[in-house]
């Protein structure tokens, strides 16, 4: 059983029960990447930002933080729009897009409801189009990535305790800029349940 299977509480095909795992409201919206390297994560983030031409270009400073030997946090300043961040979780989880990645999950604060969500790909390493998660309000959700549609879900997932990005030993190892699309007419910009 791998580390993430232990963290998610899964054993051989078993579905994990939702848990009230610690969410850290002091953390920004961010993506946790297991495996890979800062250089490969940076290449993947830059490639993801270049997939589509922005209608309303917005510059964002991306920082990659080393959490421990093979776990990294990816943050954005200002925060990435929900559409970009949710799709990036799927991109960074896919080893075809992010060399060496074993897993990516993320935490996002809804600009419309202020609910903090833990989100993970429905199928790890599958490059599929759906994330599942749980909100700080306890509701289970799914996110359809092509439109960033957020729906209530019956799928069960155990959220992992969110690492503290301000903890001693967490250090920035790379910083760069990307241009993301700030167009609020597409992609559920308020990240609310439809």
C-alpha atoms as a PDB file:
ATOM      1  CA  UNK A   1       0.000   0.000   0.000  1.00  0.00           C
ATOM      2  CA  UNK A   2       1.458   3.375  -1.032  1.00  0.00           C
ATOM      3  CA  UNK A   3       1.695   6.514   1.083  1.00  0.00           C
ATOM      4  CA  UNK A   4      -1.312   8.185  -0.496  1.00  0.00           C
ATOM      5  CA  UNK A   5      -3.380   4.998  -0.146  1.00  0.00           C
ATOM      6  CA  UNK A   6      -2.529   5.024   3.571  1.00  0.00           C
ATOM      7  CA  UNK A   7      -3.343   8.728   3.823  1.00  0.00           C
ATOM      8  CA  UNK A   8      -6.637   8.230   2.015  1.00  0.00           C
ATOM      9  CA  UNK A   9      -7.368   5.115   4.060  1.00  0.00           C
ATOM     10  CA  UNK A  10      -7.808   2.877   1.017  1.00  0.00           C
ATOM     11  CA  UNK A  11      -7.010  -0.796   0.799  1.00  0.00           C
ATOM     12  CA  UNK A  12      -7.352  -2.841  -2.377  1.00  0.00           C
ATOM     13  CA  UNK A  13     -10.448  -1.340  -4.020  1.00  0.00           C
ATOM     14  CA  UNK A  14     -11.997  -0.115  -0.770  1.00  0.00           C
ATOM     15  CA  UNK A  15     -13.675   3.291  -0.833  1.00  0.00           C
ATOM     16  CA  UNK A  16     -12.604   5.608   1.951  1.00  0.00           C
ATOM     17  CA  UNK A  17     -15.118   7.323   4.236  1.00  0.00           C
ATOM     18  CA  UNK A  18     -15.109  11.127   4.368  1.00  0.00           C
ATOM     19  CA  UNK A  19     -13.311  12.457   7.397  1.00  0.00           C
ATOM     20  CA  UNK A  20     -13.037  15.875   8.974  1.00  0.00           C
ATOM     21  CA  UNK A  21      -9.358  16.139   8.123  1.00  0.00           C
ATOM     22  CA  UNK A  22      -7.615  19.291   9.196  1.00  0.00           C
ATOM     23  CA  UNK A  23      -7.940  22.121   6.706  1.00  0.00           C
ATOM     24  CA  UNK A  24      -5.746  25.146   7.252  1.00  0.00           C
ATOM     25  CA  UNK A  25      -7.618  28.372   6.485  1.00  0.00           C
ATOM     26  CA  UNK A  26      -4.345  30.297   6.826  1.00  0.00           C
ATOM     27  CA  UNK A  27      -2.939  28.475   3.787  1.00  0.00           C
ATOM     28  CA  UNK A  28      -3.618  29.884   0.323  1.00  0.00           C
ATOM     29  CA  UNK A  29      -5.260  27.870  -2.434  1.00  0.00           C
ATOM     30  CA  UNK A  30      -2.563  25.435  -3.534  1.00  0.00           C
ATOM     31  CA  UNK A  31      -1.594  22.110  -5.080  1.00  0.00           C
ATOM     32  CA  UNK A  32       0.390  19.358  -3.346  1.00  0.00           C
ATOM     33  CA  UNK A  33       2.553  17.284  -5.696  1.00  0.00           C
ATOM     34  CA  UNK A  34       4.114  14.000  -4.631  1.00  0.00           C
ATOM     35  CA  UNK A  35       7.166  12.985  -6.611  1.00  0.00           C
ATOM     36  CA  UNK A  36       8.690  14.867  -9.516  1.00  0.00           C
ATOM     37  CA  UNK A  37      11.228  17.678  -9.149  1.00  0.00           C
ATOM     38  CA  UNK A  38      10.873  21.461  -8.890  1.00  0.00           C
ATOM     39  CA  UNK A  39      12.146  21.824 -12.479  1.00  0.00           C
ATOM     40  CA  UNK A  40       9.642  19.288 -13.841  1.00  0.00           C
ATOM     41  CA  UNK A  41       6.796  20.828 -11.837  1.00  0.00           C
ATOM     42  CA  UNK A  42       7.735  24.294 -13.151  1.00  0.00           C
ATOM     43  CA  UNK A  43       7.800  22.976 -16.739  1.00  0.00           C
ATOM     44  CA  UNK A  44       4.375  21.405 -16.243  1.00  0.00           C
ATOM     45  CA  UNK A  45       2.854  24.574 -14.739  1.00  0.00           C
ATOM     46  CA  UNK A  46       4.247  26.712 -17.575  1.00  0.00           C
ATOM     47  CA  UNK A  47       2.987  24.215 -20.190  1.00  0.00           C
ATOM     48  CA  UNK A  48      -0.455  24.139 -18.573  1.00  0.00           C
ATOM     49  CA  UNK A  49      -0.652  27.942 -18.563  1.00  0.00           C
ATOM     50  CA  UNK A  50       0.141  27.939 -22.291  1.00  0.00           C
ATOM     51  CA  UNK A  51      -2.564  25.468 -23.359  1.00  0.00           C
ATOM     52  CA  UNK A  52      -5.100  28.172 -24.238  1.00  0.00           C
ATOM     53  CA  UNK A  53      -4.712  31.830 -25.147  1.00  0.00           C
ATOM     54  CA  UNK A  54      -6.129  33.968 -22.304  1.00  0.00           C
ATOM     55  CA  UNK A  55      -9.094  36.222 -23.123  1.00  0.00           C
ATOM     56  CA  UNK A  56      -8.246  38.378 -20.103  1.00  0.00           C
ATOM     57  CA  UNK A  57      -4.540  37.838 -19.367  1.00  0.00           C
ATOM     58  CA  UNK A  58      -3.576  38.000 -15.698  1.00  0.00           C
ATOM     59  CA  UNK A  59       0.004  37.547 -14.425  1.00  0.00           C
ATOM     60  CA  UNK A  60       0.561  35.284 -11.426  1.00  0.00           C
ATOM     61  CA  UNK A  61       3.707  34.574  -9.425  1.00  0.00           C
ATOM     62  CA  UNK A  62       4.041  30.834  -8.876  1.00  0.00           C
ATOM     63  CA  UNK A  63       6.121  29.532  -5.983  1.00  0.00           C
ATOM     64  CA  UNK A  64       7.124  25.918  -5.522  1.00  0.00           C
ATOM     65  CA  UNK A  65       7.745  25.026  -1.873  1.00  0.00           C
ATOM     66  CA  UNK A  66       9.645  21.932  -0.723  1.00  0.00           C
ATOM     67  CA  UNK A  67       7.607  20.250   2.024  1.00  0.00           C
ATOM     68  CA  UNK A  68       9.952  17.288   2.426  1.00  0.00           C
ATOM     69  CA  UNK A  69      12.155  15.082   0.253  1.00  0.00           C
ATOM     70  CA  UNK A  70       9.574  14.388  -2.458  1.00  0.00           C
ATOM     71  CA  UNK A  71       6.514  16.546  -1.711  1.00  0.00           C
ATOM     72  CA  UNK A  72       6.060  20.038  -3.090  1.00  0.00           C
ATOM     73  CA  UNK A  73       3.477  22.782  -2.701  1.00  0.00           C
ATOM     74  CA  UNK A  74       2.543  25.012  -5.644  1.00  0.00           C
ATOM     75  CA  UNK A  75       1.056  28.426  -4.769  1.00  0.00           C
ATOM     76  CA  UNK A  76      -0.074  31.426  -6.832  1.00  0.00           C
ATOM     77  CA  UNK A  77      -0.010  35.149  -6.054  1.00  0.00           C
ATOM     78  CA  UNK A  78      -2.575  36.440  -6.717  1.00  0.00           C
ATOM     79  CA  UNK A  79      -4.602  33.218  -6.311  1.00  0.00           C
ATOM     80  CA  UNK A  80      -5.189  31.279  -9.523  1.00  0.00           C
ATOM     81  CA  UNK A  81      -8.794  31.323 -10.762  1.00  0.00           C
ATOM     82  CA  UNK A  82     -10.725  28.160  -9.793  1.00  0.00           C
ATOM     83  CA  UNK A  83     -10.845  26.947 -13.402  1.00  0.00           C
ATOM     84  CA  UNK A  84      -7.042  27.140 -13.729  1.00  0.00           C
ATOM     85  CA  UNK A  85      -6.310  25.641 -10.299  1.00  0.00           C
ATOM     86  CA  UNK A  86      -8.694  22.684 -10.603  1.00  0.00           C
ATOM     87  CA  UNK A  87      -7.426  21.812 -14.062  1.00  0.00           C
ATOM     88  CA  UNK A  88      -3.837  22.154 -12.841  1.00  0.00           C
ATOM     89  CA  UNK A  89      -4.504  19.546 -10.121  1.00  0.00           C
ATOM     90  CA  UNK A  90      -5.445  17.057 -12.847  1.00  0.00           C
ATOM     91  CA  UNK A  91      -2.471  18.099 -14.996  1.00  0.00           C
ATOM     92  CA  UNK A  92       0.080  17.765 -12.185  1.00  0.00           C
ATOM     93  CA  UNK A  93      -1.367  14.364 -11.212  1.00  0.00           C
ATOM     94  CA  UNK A  94      -0.927  13.011 -14.742  1.00  0.00           C
ATOM     95  CA  UNK A  95       2.600  11.597 -15.214  1.00  0.00           C
ATOM     96  CA  UNK A  96       2.283  12.190 -18.983  1.00  0.00           C
ATOM     97  CA  UNK A  97       2.108  15.929 -18.238  1.00  0.00           C
ATOM     98  CA  UNK A  98       4.326  16.085 -15.131  1.00  0.00           C
ATOM     99  CA  UNK A  99       7.360  13.836 -15.267  1.00  0.00           C
ATOM    100  CA  UNK A 100       7.865  11.861 -12.069  1.00  0.00           C
ATOM    101  CA  UNK A 101       4.538  12.812 -10.496  1.00  0.00           C
ATOM    102  CA  UNK A 102       3.003  10.106  -8.341  1.00  0.00           C
ATOM    103  CA  UNK A 103       0.044  12.132  -7.129  1.00  0.00           C
ATOM    104  CA  UNK A 104      -1.389  15.652  -6.938  1.00  0.00           C
ATOM    105  CA  UNK A 105      -4.202  16.992  -4.778  1.00  0.00           C
ATOM    106  CA  UNK A 106      -5.261  20.515  -3.948  1.00  0.00           C
ATOM    107  CA  UNK A 107      -7.058  22.890  -1.629  1.00  0.00           C
ATOM    108  CA  UNK A 108      -9.212  25.682  -3.024  1.00  0.00           C
ATOM    109  CA  UNK A 109     -11.267  28.388  -1.336  1.00  0.00           C
ATOM    110  CA  UNK A 110     -14.488  29.200  -3.174  1.00  0.00           C
ATOM    111  CA  UNK A 111     -14.577  32.931  -3.996  1.00  0.00           C
ATOM    112  CA  UNK A 112     -18.392  32.682  -3.928  1.00  0.00           C
ATOM    113  CA  UNK A 113     -19.034  30.799  -0.683  1.00  0.00           C
ATOM    114  CA  UNK A 114     -15.687  30.895   1.195  1.00  0.00           C
ATOM    115  CA  UNK A 115     -15.890  27.100   1.638  1.00  0.00           C
ATOM    116  CA  UNK A 116     -12.442  25.477   1.553  1.00  0.00           C
ATOM    117  CA  UNK A 117     -12.315  22.318  -0.556  1.00  0.00           C
ATOM    118  CA  UNK A 118      -9.926  19.385  -0.607  1.00  0.00           C
ATOM    119  CA  UNK A 119      -9.836  18.040  -4.208  1.00  0.00           C
ATOM    120  CA  UNK A 120      -8.218  14.988  -5.785  1.00  0.00           C
ATOM    121  CA  UNK A 121      -8.511  13.259  -9.162  1.00  0.00           C
ATOM    122  CA  UNK A 122     -11.273  10.639  -9.249  1.00  0.00           C
ATOM    123  CA  UNK A 123      -8.664   8.231 -10.632  1.00  0.00           C
ATOM    124  CA  UNK A 124      -5.021   8.866  -9.877  1.00  0.00           C
ATOM    125  CA  UNK A 125      -2.686   9.023 -12.888  1.00  0.00           C
ATOM    126  CA  UNK A 126      -5.553   8.491 -15.326  1.00  0.00           C
ATOM    127  CA  UNK A 127      -5.639  11.948 -16.866  1.00  0.00           C
ATOM    128  CA  UNK A 128      -9.426  11.941 -16.532  1.00  0.00           C
ATOM    129  CA  UNK A 129     -11.749  14.918 -16.403  1.00  0.00           C
ATOM    130  CA  UNK A 130     -13.160  14.762 -12.863  1.00  0.00           C
ATOM    131  CA  UNK A 131     -11.966  15.653  -9.386  1.00  0.00           C
ATOM    132  CA  UNK A 132     -13.750  14.567  -6.226  1.00  0.00           C
ATOM    133  CA  UNK A 133     -13.482  16.177  -2.846  1.00  0.00           C
ATOM    134  CA  UNK A 134     -14.940  17.386   0.381  1.00  0.00           C
ATOM    135  CA  UNK A 135     -15.617  20.898   1.625  1.00  0.00           C
ATOM    136  CA  UNK A 136     -14.904  22.419   5.018  1.00  0.00           C
ATOM    137  CA  UNK A 137     -18.695  22.302   5.395  1.00  0.00           C
ATOM    138  CA  UNK A 138     -18.564  18.474   5.152  1.00  0.00           C
ATOM    139  CA  UNK A 139     -20.294  18.213   1.763  1.00  0.00           C
ATOM    140  CA  UNK A 140     -18.821  15.845  -0.809  1.00  0.00           C
ATOM    141  CA  UNK A 141     -18.404  17.278  -4.290  1.00  0.00           C
ATOM    142  CA  UNK A 142     -17.220  16.508  -7.790  1.00  0.00           C
ATOM    143  CA  UNK A 143     -15.653  18.925 -10.284  1.00  0.00           C
ATOM    144  CA  UNK A 144     -16.045  18.387 -14.023  1.00  0.00           C
ATOM    145  CA  UNK A 145     -12.785  19.896 -15.274  1.00  0.00           C
ATOM    146  CA  UNK A 146     -13.720  21.035 -18.810  1.00  0.00           C
ATOM    147  CA  UNK A 147     -16.178  23.591 -17.360  1.00  0.00           C
ATOM    148  CA  UNK A 148     -15.140  23.619 -13.667  1.00  0.00           C
ATOM    149  CA  UNK A 149     -18.712  22.588 -12.852  1.00  0.00           C
ATOM    150  CA  UNK A 150     -19.039  21.906  -9.114  1.00  0.00           C
ATOM    151  CA  UNK A 151     -21.738  19.439  -8.066  1.00  0.00           C
ATOM    152  CA  UNK A 152     -22.706  17.611  -4.910  1.00  0.00           C
ATOM    153  CA  UNK A 153     -21.511  14.021  -5.051  1.00  0.00           C
ATOM    154  CA  UNK A 154     -22.217  10.739  -3.347  1.00  0.00           C
ATOM    155  CA  UNK A 155     -18.632   9.600  -3.893  1.00  0.00           C
ATOM    156  CA  UNK A 156     -16.714   9.116  -0.686  1.00  0.00           C
ATOM    157  CA  UNK A 157     -13.211  10.386  -0.154  1.00  0.00           C
ATOM    158  CA  UNK A 158     -11.110  10.835   2.934  1.00  0.00           C
ATOM    159  CA  UNK A 159      -9.376  14.181   2.902  1.00  0.00           C
ATOM    160  CA  UNK A 160      -5.779  14.157   4.053  1.00  0.00           C
ATOM    161  CA  UNK A 161      -4.656  16.585   6.738  1.00  0.00           C
ATOM    162  CA  UNK A 162      -3.523  19.730   4.973  1.00  0.00           C
ATOM    163  CA  UNK A 163       0.190  20.439   5.509  1.00  0.00           C
ATOM    164  CA  UNK A 164       1.107  23.788   7.064  1.00  0.00           C
ATOM    165  CA  UNK A 165       2.848  25.874   4.407  1.00  0.00           C
ATOM    166  CA  UNK A 166       4.283  28.202   7.055  1.00  0.00           C
ATOM    167  CA  UNK A 167       5.887  25.376   9.059  1.00  0.00           C
ATOM    168  CA  UNK A 168       9.584  25.387   9.810  1.00  0.00           C
ATOM    169  CA  UNK A 169      11.482  23.593   7.071  1.00  0.00           C
ATOM    170  CA  UNK A 170       9.026  24.460   4.287  1.00  0.00           C
ATOM    171  CA  UNK A 171      11.161  26.424   1.869  1.00  0.00           C
ATOM    172  CA  UNK A 172      10.533  28.034  -1.514  1.00  0.00           C
ATOM    173  CA  UNK A 173      12.713  26.344  -4.124  1.00  0.00           C
ATOM    174  CA  UNK A 174      11.480  28.026  -7.311  1.00  0.00           C
ATOM    175  CA  UNK A 175       9.532  31.139  -8.258  1.00  0.00           C
ATOM    176  CA  UNK A 176       8.382  32.228 -11.720  1.00  0.00           C
ATOM    177  CA  UNK A 177       5.501  33.974 -13.483  1.00  0.00           C
ATOM    178  CA  UNK A 178       2.726  32.626 -15.683  1.00  0.00           C
ATOM    179  CA  UNK A 179      -0.191  34.263 -17.447  1.00  0.00           C
ATOM    180  CA  UNK A 180      -3.607  32.758 -16.687  1.00  0.00           C
ATOM    181  CA  UNK A 181      -7.029  33.647 -18.023  1.00  0.00           C
ATOM    182  CA  UNK A 182      -8.980  35.891 -15.646  1.00  0.00           C
ATOM    183  CA  UNK A 183     -12.071  35.856 -17.874  1.00  0.00           C
ATOM    184  CA  UNK A 184     -15.008  35.634 -15.426  1.00  0.00           C
ATOM    185  CA  UNK A 185     -17.518  34.699 -18.144  1.00  0.00           C
ATOM    186  CA  UNK A 186     -16.320  31.084 -18.224  1.00  0.00           C
ATOM    187  CA  UNK A 187     -15.323  28.275 -15.902  1.00  0.00           C
ATOM    188  CA  UNK A 188     -17.444  28.820 -12.743  1.00  0.00           C
ATOM    189  CA  UNK A 189     -15.307  31.743 -11.493  1.00  0.00           C
ATOM    190  CA  UNK A 190     -17.108  31.823  -8.107  1.00  0.00           C
ATOM    191  CA  UNK A 191     -16.677  28.028  -7.689  1.00  0.00           C
ATOM    192  CA  UNK A 192     -20.209  27.463  -6.446  1.00  0.00           C
ATOM    193  CA  UNK A 193     -22.338  24.329  -6.564  1.00  0.00           C
ATOM    194  CA  UNK A 194     -24.603  24.316  -9.598  1.00  0.00           C
END
